[in-house]
Amino acid sequence: MTATTSTELQTLSNAHLDALEEETIFILREVAAAFERPTLLFSGGKDSLVMLKCAEKAFGAGRIPYPLLMIDTGHNFNEVTDFRDARAQELGAELIVRNVEDSMKRGTVRLAHPGESRNVHQSVTLLEAIEEFRFDALIGGARRDEEKARAKERIFSHRDSFGQWQPKAQRPELWTLFNHKLQPGEHFRVFPISNWTELDVWQYIARERIALPSIYYTHPREVVDRRGLLVPVTELTPPKDGEEVVVREVRFRTVGDITCTCPVESTAATPEQIVIETLAADVSERGATRMDDKTSEASMEKRKKDGYF
């Protein structure tokens, strides 16, 4: 790190992280106390790893009272899924994985064409998992600063018996009092780090020394520039005619399905260096890296109404 970077970090306070951590731990404990069959969505990404760290503090290592759930499209980065499995085993936590490919075999998911992204179809597999295990609360790592639709959601977000989210039918959350009442077949999506920002997450990762999949840090990768996004060159995302393949030093700000997740140029190799980069960022991580959010202004809200997390 440069001297300038070190000086900036020394003057950057992280005292607010204690309040954010305390709120997250309170919500995680509230879910354990209020619901019969909760689960924590765990992808192996940075936000779910931050939640898992808070869950360790809330309940103790090896004592997290709900299973971890991953909806796998089959097109996730190997670095992330391998890390997911290792971290769950390290904690002694139960890990449930349900695959979009299995939904395709059942005929509940049908792709418009073989090259279509499976990302949006996670909603179907997720709803099938909810029905299979009768989950009444799903804890996720979404944050309000990520995207407009997520900024509208409550911490305890009610879903109807079809798994749908109704923005105009949300329940008030005054003085951290949460309405947990459910009708048969309904459930809640719960967002304990809803009030965190990307900067908060990276400051917390640096403070708590949370290990992450390697692709969150700088590494050389073949990419093509497509409509302002650096699309990784893989078997699933090959270059199109006329596109130039170049090798860039990149990192991923968020991780997801390979077919819709792009890296950004970066030389940041540590959480502290990423904190400095994040201070200068003027576009949210989803806005800067997710192709599935580029289809329209309301693309995320539409997916959430259909059951997407």
C-alpha atoms as a PDB file:
ATOM      1  CA  MET A   1       0.000   0.000   0.000  1.00  0.00           C
ATOM      2  CA  THR A   2       1.140   3.550  -0.664  1.00  0.00           C
ATOM      3  CA  ALA A   3       1.733   6.069   2.105  1.00  0.00           C
ATOM      4  CA  THR A   4      -1.374   7.950   0.966  1.00  0.00           C
ATOM      5  CA  THR A   5      -3.501   4.830   1.287  1.00  0.00           C
ATOM      6  CA  SER A   6      -2.185   4.137   4.795  1.00  0.00           C
ATOM      7  CA  THR A   7      -2.935   7.701   5.864  1.00  0.00           C
ATOM      8  CA  GLU A   8      -6.485   7.542   4.500  1.00  0.00           C
ATOM      9  CA  LEU A   9      -7.170   4.298   6.372  1.00  0.00           C
ATOM     10  CA  GLN A  10      -5.860   5.753   9.624  1.00  0.00           C
ATOM     11  CA  THR A  11      -8.330   8.648   9.401  1.00  0.00           C
ATOM     12  CA  LEU A  12     -11.290   6.433   8.363  1.00  0.00           C
ATOM     13  CA  SER A  13     -13.381   5.531  11.400  1.00  0.00           C
ATOM     14  CA  ASN A  14     -14.987   2.126  11.728  1.00  0.00           C
ATOM     15  CA  ALA A  15     -16.609   2.741  15.117  1.00  0.00           C
ATOM     16  CA  HIS A  16     -20.048   2.494  13.487  1.00  0.00           C
ATOM     17  CA  LEU A  17     -19.378  -1.155  12.680  1.00  0.00           C
ATOM     18  CA  ASP A  18     -20.093  -2.085  16.302  1.00  0.00           C
ATOM     19  CA  ALA A  19     -23.646  -0.720  15.984  1.00  0.00           C
ATOM     20  CA  LEU A  20     -24.199  -2.480  12.644  1.00  0.00           C
ATOM     21  CA  GLU A  21     -22.863  -5.755  14.033  1.00  0.00           C
ATOM     22  CA  GLU A  22     -25.059  -5.442  17.118  1.00  0.00           C
ATOM     23  CA  GLU A  23     -28.164  -4.859  14.963  1.00  0.00           C
ATOM     24  CA  THR A  24     -27.327  -7.853  12.752  1.00  0.00           C
ATOM     25  CA  ILE A  25     -26.794 -10.142  15.732  1.00  0.00           C
ATOM     26  CA  PHE A  26     -30.105  -8.977  17.240  1.00  0.00           C
ATOM     27  CA  ILE A  27     -31.955  -9.787  13.985  1.00  0.00           C
ATOM     28  CA  LEU A  28     -30.292 -13.207  13.646  1.00  0.00           C
ATOM     29  CA  ARG A  29     -31.356 -14.063  17.198  1.00  0.00           C
ATOM     30  CA  GLU A  30     -34.849 -12.680  16.589  1.00  0.00           C
ATOM     31  CA  VAL A  31     -35.272 -15.050  13.635  1.00  0.00           C
ATOM     32  CA  ALA A  32     -34.129 -18.021  15.719  1.00  0.00           C
ATOM     33  CA  ALA A  33     -36.630 -17.134  18.436  1.00  0.00           C
ATOM     34  CA  ALA A  34     -39.630 -16.229  16.262  1.00  0.00           C
ATOM     35  CA  PHE A  35     -39.662 -18.870  13.527  1.00  0.00           C
ATOM     36  CA  GLU A  36     -39.886 -22.646  13.505  1.00  0.00           C
ATOM     37  CA  ARG A  37     -37.964 -23.463  10.319  1.00  0.00           C
ATOM     38  CA  PRO A  38     -35.585 -20.659   9.303  1.00  0.00           C
ATOM     39  CA  THR A  39     -32.588 -20.996   7.005  1.00  0.00           C
ATOM     40  CA  LEU A  40     -29.635 -18.773   6.123  1.00  0.00           C
ATOM     41  CA  LEU A  41     -28.889 -18.356   2.419  1.00  0.00           C
ATOM     42  CA  PHE A  42     -25.182 -18.970   1.976  1.00  0.00           C
ATOM     43  CA  SER A  43     -23.504 -18.589  -1.412  1.00  0.00           C
ATOM     44  CA  GLY A  44     -19.899 -18.226  -0.288  1.00  0.00           C
ATOM     45  CA  GLY A  45     -19.996 -14.553  -1.309  1.00  0.00           C
ATOM     46  CA  LYS A  46     -18.734 -11.689   0.835  1.00  0.00           C
ATOM     47  CA  ASP A  47     -22.136 -10.606   2.200  1.00  0.00           C
ATOM     48  CA  SER A  48     -23.141 -14.108   3.257  1.00  0.00           C
ATOM     49  CA  LEU A  49     -19.704 -14.581   4.834  1.00  0.00           C
ATOM     50  CA  VAL A  50     -20.195 -11.396   6.850  1.00  0.00           C
ATOM     51  CA  MET A  51     -23.585 -12.693   8.016  1.00  0.00           C
ATOM     52  CA  LEU A  52     -22.020 -16.023   8.912  1.00  0.00           C
ATOM     53  CA  LYS A  53     -19.394 -14.240  11.016  1.00  0.00           C
ATOM     54  CA  CYS A  54     -22.156 -12.382  12.856  1.00  0.00           C
ATOM     55  CA  ALA A  55     -24.032 -15.670  13.324  1.00  0.00           C
ATOM     56  CA  GLU A  56     -20.905 -17.166  14.897  1.00  0.00           C
ATOM     57  CA  LYS A  57     -20.843 -14.266  17.341  1.00  0.00           C
ATOM     58  CA  ALA A  58     -24.578 -14.564  17.982  1.00  0.00           C
ATOM     59  CA  PHE A  59     -24.665 -18.284  18.741  1.00  0.00           C
ATOM     60  CA  GLY A  60     -21.091 -19.589  18.936  1.00  0.00           C
ATOM     61  CA  ALA A  61     -19.072 -21.615  16.435  1.00  0.00           C
ATOM     62  CA  GLY A  62     -20.754 -24.902  15.615  1.00  0.00           C
ATOM     63  CA  ARG A  63     -24.036 -23.803  17.214  1.00  0.00           C
ATOM     64  CA  ILE A  64     -25.819 -21.876  14.449  1.00  0.00           C
ATOM     65  CA  PRO A  65     -29.450 -23.006  14.957  1.00  0.00           C
ATOM     66  CA  TYR A  66     -30.524 -23.075  11.316  1.00  0.00           C
ATOM     67  CA  PRO A  67     -29.184 -24.760   8.186  1.00  0.00           C
ATOM     68  CA  LEU A  68     -27.395 -22.977   5.350  1.00  0.00           C
ATOM     69  CA  LEU A  69     -29.113 -23.008   1.942  1.00  0.00           C
ATOM     70  CA  MET A  70     -27.580 -22.484  -1.495  1.00  0.00           C
ATOM     71  CA  ILE A  71     -29.496 -22.342  -4.782  1.00  0.00           C
ATOM     72  CA  ASP A  72     -26.895 -23.376  -7.363  1.00  0.00           C
ATOM     73  CA  THR A  73     -27.420 -22.511 -11.029  1.00  0.00           C
ATOM     74  CA  GLY A  74     -24.653 -24.897 -12.062  1.00  0.00           C
ATOM     75  CA  HIS A  75     -22.884 -21.881 -13.563  1.00  0.00           C
ATOM     76  CA  ASN A  76     -21.234 -20.515 -10.429  1.00  0.00           C
ATOM     77  CA  PHE A  77     -17.526 -19.797 -10.114  1.00  0.00           C
ATOM     78  CA  ASN A  78     -15.685 -22.867  -8.806  1.00  0.00           C
ATOM     79  CA  GLU A  79     -13.589 -20.694  -6.471  1.00  0.00           C
ATOM     80  CA  VAL A  80     -16.795 -19.606  -4.724  1.00  0.00           C
ATOM     81  CA  THR A  81     -18.580 -22.963  -4.453  1.00  0.00           C
ATOM     82  CA  ASP A  82     -15.391 -24.675  -3.221  1.00  0.00           C
ATOM     83  CA  PHE A  83     -14.994 -21.965  -0.592  1.00  0.00           C
ATOM     84  CA  ARG A  84     -18.678 -22.320   0.375  1.00  0.00           C
ATOM     85  CA  ASP A  85     -18.282 -26.042   1.026  1.00  0.00           C
ATOM     86  CA  ALA A  86     -15.056 -25.618   2.989  1.00  0.00           C
ATOM     87  CA  ARG A  87     -16.455 -22.848   5.179  1.00  0.00           C
ATOM     88  CA  ALA A  88     -19.636 -24.782   6.008  1.00  0.00           C
ATOM     89  CA  GLN A  89     -17.575 -27.848   6.916  1.00  0.00           C
ATOM     90  CA  GLU A  90     -15.233 -25.744   9.048  1.00  0.00           C
ATOM     91  CA  LEU A  91     -18.212 -24.393  11.029  1.00  0.00           C
ATOM     92  CA  GLY A  92     -19.879 -27.767  11.339  1.00  0.00           C
ATOM     93  CA  ALA A  93     -23.015 -26.245   9.800  1.00  0.00           C
ATOM     94  CA  GLU A  94     -25.635 -28.144   7.812  1.00  0.00           C
ATOM     95  CA  LEU A  95     -25.430 -27.092   4.145  1.00  0.00           C
ATOM     96  CA  ILE A  96     -28.385 -27.723   1.836  1.00  0.00           C
ATOM     97  CA  VAL A  97     -27.737 -27.269  -1.900  1.00  0.00           C
ATOM     98  CA  ARG A  98     -30.554 -27.301  -4.429  1.00  0.00           C
ATOM     99  CA  ASN A  99     -29.790 -27.060  -8.144  1.00  0.00           C
ATOM    100  CA  VAL A 100     -31.529 -25.269 -10.991  1.00  0.00           C
ATOM    101  CA  GLU A 101     -30.500 -28.205 -13.197  1.00  0.00           C
ATOM    102  CA  ASP A 102     -32.765 -30.485 -11.130  1.00  0.00           C
ATOM    103  CA  SER A 103     -35.660 -28.099 -11.716  1.00  0.00           C
ATOM    104  CA  MET A 104     -34.888 -28.263 -15.427  1.00  0.00           C
ATOM    105  CA  LYS A 105     -35.062 -32.072 -15.298  1.00  0.00           C
ATOM    106  CA  ARG A 106     -38.444 -31.870 -13.538  1.00  0.00           C
ATOM    107  CA  GLY A 107     -39.703 -29.480 -16.197  1.00  0.00           C
ATOM    108  CA  THR A 108     -40.439 -26.665 -13.738  1.00  0.00           C
ATOM    109  CA  VAL A 109     -37.681 -24.573 -15.347  1.00  0.00           C
ATOM    110  CA  ARG A 110     -37.553 -24.278 -19.125  1.00  0.00           C
ATOM    111  CA  LEU A 111     -34.916 -22.189 -20.840  1.00  0.00           C
ATOM    112  CA  ALA A 112     -35.904 -20.138 -23.869  1.00  0.00           C
ATOM    113  CA  HIS A 113     -32.662 -21.310 -25.528  1.00  0.00           C
ATOM    114  CA  PRO A 114     -29.608 -23.276 -24.311  1.00  0.00           C
ATOM    115  CA  GLY A 115     -27.531 -20.123 -23.858  1.00  0.00           C
ATOM    116  CA  GLU A 116     -30.085 -18.332 -21.657  1.00  0.00           C
ATOM    117  CA  SER A 117     -28.838 -17.304 -18.207  1.00  0.00           C
ATOM    118  CA  ARG A 118     -30.167 -19.498 -15.443  1.00  0.00           C
ATOM    119  CA  ASN A 119     -29.883 -16.717 -12.876  1.00  0.00           C
ATOM    120  CA  VAL A 120     -33.507 -15.559 -13.005  1.00  0.00           C
ATOM    121  CA  HIS A 121     -34.692 -19.174 -12.807  1.00  0.00           C
ATOM    122  CA  GLN A 122     -33.244 -19.513  -9.306  1.00  0.00           C
ATOM    123  CA  SER A 123     -36.615 -18.212  -8.088  1.00  0.00           C
ATOM    124  CA  VAL A 124     -38.332 -21.452  -9.108  1.00  0.00           C
ATOM    125  CA  THR A 125     -35.746 -23.680  -7.420  1.00  0.00           C
ATOM    126  CA  LEU A 126     -35.824 -21.495  -4.314  1.00  0.00           C
ATOM    127  CA  LEU A 127     -39.615 -21.757  -4.034  1.00  0.00           C
ATOM    128  CA  GLU A 128     -39.341 -25.521  -4.500  1.00  0.00           C
ATOM    129  CA  ALA A 129     -36.816 -25.679  -1.645  1.00  0.00           C
ATOM    130  CA  ILE A 130     -39.131 -23.607   0.551  1.00  0.00           C
ATOM    131  CA  GLU A 131     -41.944 -26.062  -0.106  1.00  0.00           C
ATOM    132  CA  GLU A 132     -39.690 -29.095   0.378  1.00  0.00           C
ATOM    133  CA  PHE A 133     -38.355 -28.005   3.779  1.00  0.00           C
ATOM    134  CA  ARG A 134     -41.337 -25.814   4.774  1.00  0.00           C
ATOM    135  CA  PHE A 135     -39.041 -22.882   5.528  1.00  0.00           C
ATOM    136  CA  ASP A 136     -40.871 -19.968   7.168  1.00  0.00           C
ATOM    137  CA  ALA A 137     -37.963 -17.491   7.158  1.00  0.00           C
ATOM    138  CA  LEU A 138     -35.045 -17.138   4.750  1.00  0.00           C
ATOM    139  CA  ILE A 139     -32.145 -14.977   5.901  1.00  0.00           C
ATOM    140  CA  GLY A 140     -30.258 -13.260   3.081  1.00  0.00           C
ATOM    141  CA  GLY A 141     -27.401 -10.817   2.607  1.00  0.00           C
ATOM    142  CA  ALA A 142     -29.149  -8.202   0.436  1.00  0.00           C
ATOM    143  CA  ARG A 143     -28.398  -4.564   1.262  1.00  0.00           C
ATOM    144  CA  ARG A 144     -30.377  -1.416   0.522  1.00  0.00           C
ATOM    145  CA  ASP A 145     -27.450   0.335  -1.169  1.00  0.00           C
ATOM    146  CA  GLU A 146     -27.164  -2.343  -3.872  1.00  0.00           C
ATOM    147  CA  GLU A 147     -30.202  -1.558  -6.010  1.00  0.00           C
ATOM    148  CA  LYS A 148     -33.408   0.516  -6.056  1.00  0.00           C
ATOM    149  CA  ALA A 149     -35.811  -2.375  -5.462  1.00  0.00           C
ATOM    150  CA  ARG A 150     -33.765  -3.641  -2.526  1.00  0.00           C
ATOM    151  CA  ALA A 151     -33.853  -0.150  -1.033  1.00  0.00           C
ATOM    152  CA  LYS A 152     -37.654  -0.457  -0.805  1.00  0.00           C
ATOM    153  CA  GLU A 153     -37.667  -3.636   1.267  1.00  0.00           C
ATOM    154  CA  ARG A 154     -38.155  -3.959   4.998  1.00  0.00           C
ATOM    155  CA  ILE A 155     -35.719  -5.966   7.114  1.00  0.00           C
ATOM    156  CA  PHE A 156     -38.503  -8.533   7.605  1.00  0.00           C
ATOM    157  CA  SER A 157     -39.963  -8.735   4.107  1.00  0.00           C
ATOM    158  CA  HIS A 158     -43.278 -10.590   3.936  1.00  0.00           C
ATOM    159  CA  ARG A 159     -43.914 -13.004   1.049  1.00  0.00           C
ATOM    160  CA  ASP A 160     -47.316 -14.433   0.168  1.00  0.00           C
ATOM    161  CA  SER A 161     -48.152 -18.105  -0.410  1.00  0.00           C
ATOM    162  CA  PHE A 162     -46.818 -17.809  -3.979  1.00  0.00           C
ATOM    163  CA  GLY A 163     -43.495 -16.429  -2.728  1.00  0.00           C
ATOM    164  CA  GLN A 164     -44.287 -13.020  -4.182  1.00  0.00           C
ATOM    165  CA  TRP A 165     -43.271  -9.653  -2.778  1.00  0.00           C
ATOM    166  CA  GLN A 166     -45.844  -6.854  -2.732  1.00  0.00           C
ATOM    167  CA  PRO A 167     -44.070  -3.464  -2.311  1.00  0.00           C
ATOM    168  CA  LYS A 168     -47.295  -1.671  -1.253  1.00  0.00           C
ATOM    169  CA  ALA A 169     -48.253  -4.279   1.352  1.00  0.00           C
ATOM    170  CA  GLN A 170     -45.180  -4.145   3.576  1.00  0.00           C
ATOM    171  CA  ARG A 171     -45.432  -3.981   7.339  1.00  0.00           C
ATOM    172  CA  PRO A 172     -44.134  -1.036   9.380  1.00  0.00           C
ATOM    173  CA  GLU A 173     -40.957  -1.558  11.405  1.00  0.00           C
ATOM    174  CA  LEU A 174     -40.940   1.035  14.174  1.00  0.00           C
ATOM    175  CA  TRP A 175     -38.492   0.897  17.093  1.00  0.00           C
ATOM    176  CA  THR A 176     -37.121  -2.445  15.818  1.00  0.00           C
ATOM    177  CA  LEU A 177     -40.463  -4.111  16.530  1.00  0.00           C
ATOM    178  CA  PHE A 178     -41.132  -6.734  13.863  1.00  0.00           C
ATOM    179  CA  ASN A 179     -44.473  -8.297  12.933  1.00  0.00           C
ATOM    180  CA  HIS A 180     -43.769 -12.021  12.491  1.00  0.00           C
ATOM    181  CA  LYS A 181     -47.341 -13.186  11.886  1.00  0.00           C
ATOM    182  CA  LEU A 182     -47.821 -15.531   8.945  1.00  0.00           C
ATOM    183  CA  GLN A 183     -50.720 -17.257   7.256  1.00  0.00           C
ATOM    184  CA  PRO A 184     -50.267 -20.896   6.151  1.00  0.00           C
ATOM    185  CA  GLY A 185     -47.890 -21.132   3.187  1.00  0.00           C
ATOM    186  CA  GLU A 186     -46.432 -17.648   3.647  1.00  0.00           C
ATOM    187  CA  HIS A 187     -42.872 -16.847   4.679  1.00  0.00           C
ATOM    188  CA  PHE A 188     -40.466 -14.002   5.368  1.00  0.00           C
ATOM    189  CA  ARG A 189     -37.261 -12.968   3.662  1.00  0.00           C
ATOM    190  CA  VAL A 190     -35.054 -11.419   6.360  1.00  0.00           C
ATOM    191  CA  PHE A 191     -32.156  -9.041   5.636  1.00  0.00           C
ATOM    192  CA  PRO A 192     -29.932  -8.572   8.724  1.00  0.00           C
ATOM    193  CA  ILE A 193     -27.326  -6.438   6.900  1.00  0.00           C
ATOM    194  CA  SER A 194     -29.900  -4.340   5.084  1.00  0.00           C
ATOM    195  CA  ASN A 195     -28.502  -1.121   6.612  1.00  0.00           C
ATOM    196  CA  TRP A 196     -24.881  -1.894   5.732  1.00  0.00           C
ATOM    197  CA  THR A 197     -23.133  -0.420   2.697  1.00  0.00           C
ATOM    198  CA  GLU A 198     -20.485  -1.982   0.469  1.00  0.00           C
ATOM    199  CA  LEU A 199     -17.910   0.127   2.311  1.00  0.00           C
ATOM    200  CA  ASP A 200     -19.170  -1.122   5.689  1.00  0.00           C
ATOM    201  CA  VAL A 201     -18.871  -4.719   4.490  1.00  0.00           C
ATOM    202  CA  TRP A 202     -15.264  -4.281   3.394  1.00  0.00           C
ATOM    203  CA  GLN A 203     -14.310  -2.409   6.560  1.00  0.00           C
ATOM    204  CA  TYR A 204     -15.815  -5.256   8.585  1.00  0.00           C
ATOM    205  CA  ILE A 205     -14.003  -7.884   6.496  1.00  0.00           C
ATOM    206  CA  ALA A 206     -10.740  -6.024   7.133  1.00  0.00           C
ATOM    207  CA  ARG A 207     -11.414  -5.624  10.872  1.00  0.00           C
ATOM    208  CA  GLU A 208     -12.530  -9.209  11.456  1.00  0.00           C
ATOM    209  CA  ARG A 209      -9.980 -10.726   9.032  1.00  0.00           C
ATOM    210  CA  ILE A 210     -12.713 -12.669   7.211  1.00  0.00           C
ATOM    211  CA  ALA A 211     -11.352 -15.014   4.540  1.00  0.00           C
ATOM    212  CA  LEU A 212     -12.946 -14.694   1.070  1.00  0.00           C
ATOM    213  CA  PRO A 213     -12.803 -16.541  -2.250  1.00  0.00           C
ATOM    214  CA  SER A 214      -9.729 -15.464  -4.205  1.00  0.00           C
ATOM    215  CA  ILE A 215     -11.673 -13.852  -7.068  1.00  0.00           C
ATOM    216  CA  TYR A 216     -12.625 -10.930  -4.815  1.00  0.00           C
ATOM    217  CA  TYR A 217      -9.012  -9.779  -5.117  1.00  0.00           C
ATOM    218  CA  THR A 218      -6.939  -8.715  -8.102  1.00  0.00           C
ATOM    219  CA  HIS A 219      -5.977 -11.402 -10.608  1.00  0.00           C
ATOM    220  CA  PRO A 220      -5.318 -11.537 -14.373  1.00  0.00           C
ATOM    221  CA  ARG A 221      -8.312 -12.635 -16.461  1.00  0.00           C
ATOM    222  CA  GLU A 222      -9.298 -12.688 -20.113  1.00  0.00           C
ATOM    223  CA  VAL A 223     -12.186 -10.292 -20.727  1.00  0.00           C
ATOM    224  CA  VAL A 224     -13.996  -8.453 -23.497  1.00  0.00           C
ATOM    225  CA  ASP A 225     -15.428  -4.954 -23.236  1.00  0.00           C
ATOM    226  CA  ARG A 226     -19.177  -5.222 -23.884  1.00  0.00           C
ATOM    227  CA  ARG A 227     -21.382  -2.161 -23.459  1.00  0.00           C
ATOM    228  CA  GLY A 228     -19.120  -0.786 -20.750  1.00  0.00           C
ATOM    229  CA  LEU A 229     -18.845  -4.062 -18.803  1.00  0.00           C
ATOM    230  CA  LEU A 230     -15.827  -6.348 -18.684  1.00  0.00           C
ATOM    231  CA  VAL A 231     -17.307  -9.744 -19.557  1.00  0.00           C
ATOM    232  CA  PRO A 232     -15.126 -12.678 -18.452  1.00  0.00           C
ATOM    233  CA  VAL A 233     -14.207 -15.033 -21.262  1.00  0.00           C
ATOM    234  CA  THR A 234     -15.386 -18.537 -20.346  1.00  0.00           C
ATOM    235  CA  GLU A 235     -17.066 -21.480 -22.061  1.00  0.00           C
ATOM    236  CA  LEU A 236     -20.386 -19.996 -20.936  1.00  0.00           C
ATOM    237  CA  THR A 237     -19.525 -16.444 -22.027  1.00  0.00           C
ATOM    238  CA  PRO A 238     -17.391 -16.697 -25.183  1.00  0.00           C
ATOM    239  CA  PRO A 239     -16.411 -13.586 -27.141  1.00  0.00           C
ATOM    240  CA  LYS A 240     -18.758 -12.487 -29.908  1.00  0.00           C
ATOM    241  CA  ASP A 241     -17.691 -11.858 -33.470  1.00  0.00           C
ATOM    242  CA  GLY A 242     -15.542  -8.763 -33.682  1.00  0.00           C
ATOM    243  CA  GLU A 243     -14.807  -8.561 -29.954  1.00  0.00           C
ATOM    244  CA  GLU A 244     -11.179  -8.304 -28.850  1.00  0.00           C
ATOM    245  CA  VAL A 245     -10.068 -10.554 -26.002  1.00  0.00           C
ATOM    246  CA  VAL A 246      -7.633  -8.827 -23.639  1.00  0.00           C
ATOM    247  CA  VAL A 247      -6.031  -9.769 -20.321  1.00  0.00           C
ATOM    248  CA  ARG A 248      -6.736  -7.299 -17.521  1.00  0.00           C
ATOM    249  CA  GLU A 249      -6.000  -7.133 -13.795  1.00  0.00           C
ATOM    250  CA  VAL A 250      -9.496  -7.435 -12.347  1.00  0.00           C
ATOM    251  CA  ARG A 251     -11.465  -8.400  -9.258  1.00  0.00           C
ATOM    252  CA  PHE A 252     -15.136  -9.167  -8.621  1.00  0.00           C
ATOM    253  CA  ARG A 253     -17.120  -6.751  -6.463  1.00  0.00           C
ATOM    254  CA  THR A 254     -19.980  -9.245  -6.277  1.00  0.00           C
ATOM    255  CA  VAL A 255     -20.174 -12.894  -7.314  1.00  0.00           C
ATOM    256  CA  GLY A 256     -23.032 -14.821  -8.866  1.00  0.00           C
ATOM    257  CA  ASP A 257     -23.885 -16.729 -12.011  1.00  0.00           C
ATOM    258  CA  ILE A 258     -20.997 -16.588 -14.487  1.00  0.00           C
ATOM    259  CA  THR A 259     -23.360 -15.648 -17.325  1.00  0.00           C
ATOM    260  CA  CYS A 260     -24.327 -12.313 -15.767  1.00  0.00           C
ATOM    261  CA  THR A 261     -21.499 -11.321 -13.391  1.00  0.00           C
ATOM    262  CA  CYS A 262     -18.625  -9.125 -14.524  1.00  0.00           C
ATOM    263  CA  PRO A 263     -15.393  -8.042 -12.824  1.00  0.00           C
ATOM    264  CA  VAL A 264     -13.946  -4.541 -12.588  1.00  0.00           C
ATOM    265  CA  GLU A 265     -10.410  -3.399 -13.278  1.00  0.00           C
ATOM    266  CA  SER A 266      -8.458  -3.327 -10.020  1.00  0.00           C
ATOM    267  CA  THR A 267      -5.047  -3.893  -8.497  1.00  0.00           C
ATOM    268  CA  ALA A 268      -6.449  -4.231  -4.958  1.00  0.00           C
ATOM    269  CA  ALA A 269      -5.024  -7.322  -3.276  1.00  0.00           C
ATOM    270  CA  THR A 270      -6.187  -6.752   0.315  1.00  0.00           C
ATOM    271  CA  PRO A 271      -9.421  -5.678   2.064  1.00  0.00           C
ATOM    272  CA  GLU A 272      -7.721  -2.423   3.081  1.00  0.00           C
ATOM    273  CA  GLN A 273      -6.923  -1.579  -0.533  1.00  0.00           C
ATOM    274  CA  ILE A 274     -10.491  -2.409  -1.555  1.00  0.00           C
ATOM    275  CA  VAL A 275     -11.776  -0.049   1.148  1.00  0.00           C
ATOM    276  CA  ILE A 276      -9.853   2.784  -0.533  1.00  0.00           C
ATOM    277  CA  GLU A 277     -11.217   1.804  -3.975  1.00  0.00           C
ATOM    278  CA  THR A 278     -14.765   1.655  -2.612  1.00  0.00           C
ATOM    279  CA  LEU A 279     -14.458   5.168  -1.194  1.00  0.00           C
ATOM    280  CA  ALA A 280     -13.897   6.433  -4.743  1.00  0.00           C
ATOM    281  CA  ALA A 281     -16.604   4.303  -6.429  1.00  0.00           C
ATOM    282  CA  ASP A 282     -19.613   6.210  -7.778  1.00  0.00           C
ATOM    283  CA  VAL A 283     -21.611   3.192  -9.028  1.00  0.00           C
ATOM    284  CA  SER A 284     -23.046   0.424  -6.846  1.00  0.00           C
ATOM    285  CA  GLU A 285     -21.521  -3.036  -7.175  1.00  0.00           C
ATOM    286  CA  ARG A 286     -24.581  -4.426  -8.975  1.00  0.00           C
ATOM    287  CA  GLY A 287     -24.757  -1.415 -11.272  1.00  0.00           C
ATOM    288  CA  ALA A 288     -21.099  -1.825 -12.160  1.00  0.00           C
ATOM    289  CA  THR A 289     -20.997  -5.596 -12.611  1.00  0.00           C
ATOM    290  CA  ARG A 290     -24.387  -7.265 -13.176  1.00  0.00           C
ATOM    291  CA  MET A 291     -25.658  -7.730 -16.732  1.00  0.00           C
ATOM    292  CA  ASP A 292     -29.078  -8.927 -15.497  1.00  0.00           C
ATOM    293  CA  ASP A 293     -29.753  -5.511 -13.938  1.00  0.00           C
ATOM    294  CA  LYS A 294     -29.116  -3.717 -17.235  1.00  0.00           C
ATOM    295  CA  THR A 295     -32.268  -4.915 -18.992  1.00  0.00           C
ATOM    296  CA  SER A 296     -34.492  -2.179 -17.526  1.00  0.00           C
ATOM    297  CA  GLU A 297     -34.823   0.186 -14.572  1.00  0.00           C
ATOM    298  CA  ALA A 298     -37.337  -2.172 -12.955  1.00  0.00           C
ATOM    299  CA  SER A 299     -35.683  -5.515 -13.748  1.00  0.00           C
ATOM    300  CA  MET A 300     -34.817  -6.363 -10.134  1.00  0.00           C
ATOM    301  CA  GLU A 301     -38.223  -5.296  -8.797  1.00  0.00           C
ATOM    302  CA  LYS A 302     -39.985  -7.496 -11.353  1.00  0.00           C
ATOM    303  CA  ARG A 303     -37.832 -10.488 -10.398  1.00  0.00           C
ATOM    304  CA  LYS A 304     -38.500  -9.920  -6.693  1.00  0.00           C
ATOM    305  CA  LYS A 305     -42.253  -9.846  -7.297  1.00  0.00           C
ATOM    306  CA  ASP A 306     -41.855 -13.231  -8.991  1.00  0.00           C
ATOM    307  CA  GLY A 307     -40.071 -14.738  -5.991  1.00  0.00           C
ATOM    308  CA  TYR A 308     -36.403 -13.797  -6.562  1.00  0.00           C
ATOM    309  CA  PHE A 309     -34.409 -13.117  -3.434  1.00  0.00           C
END
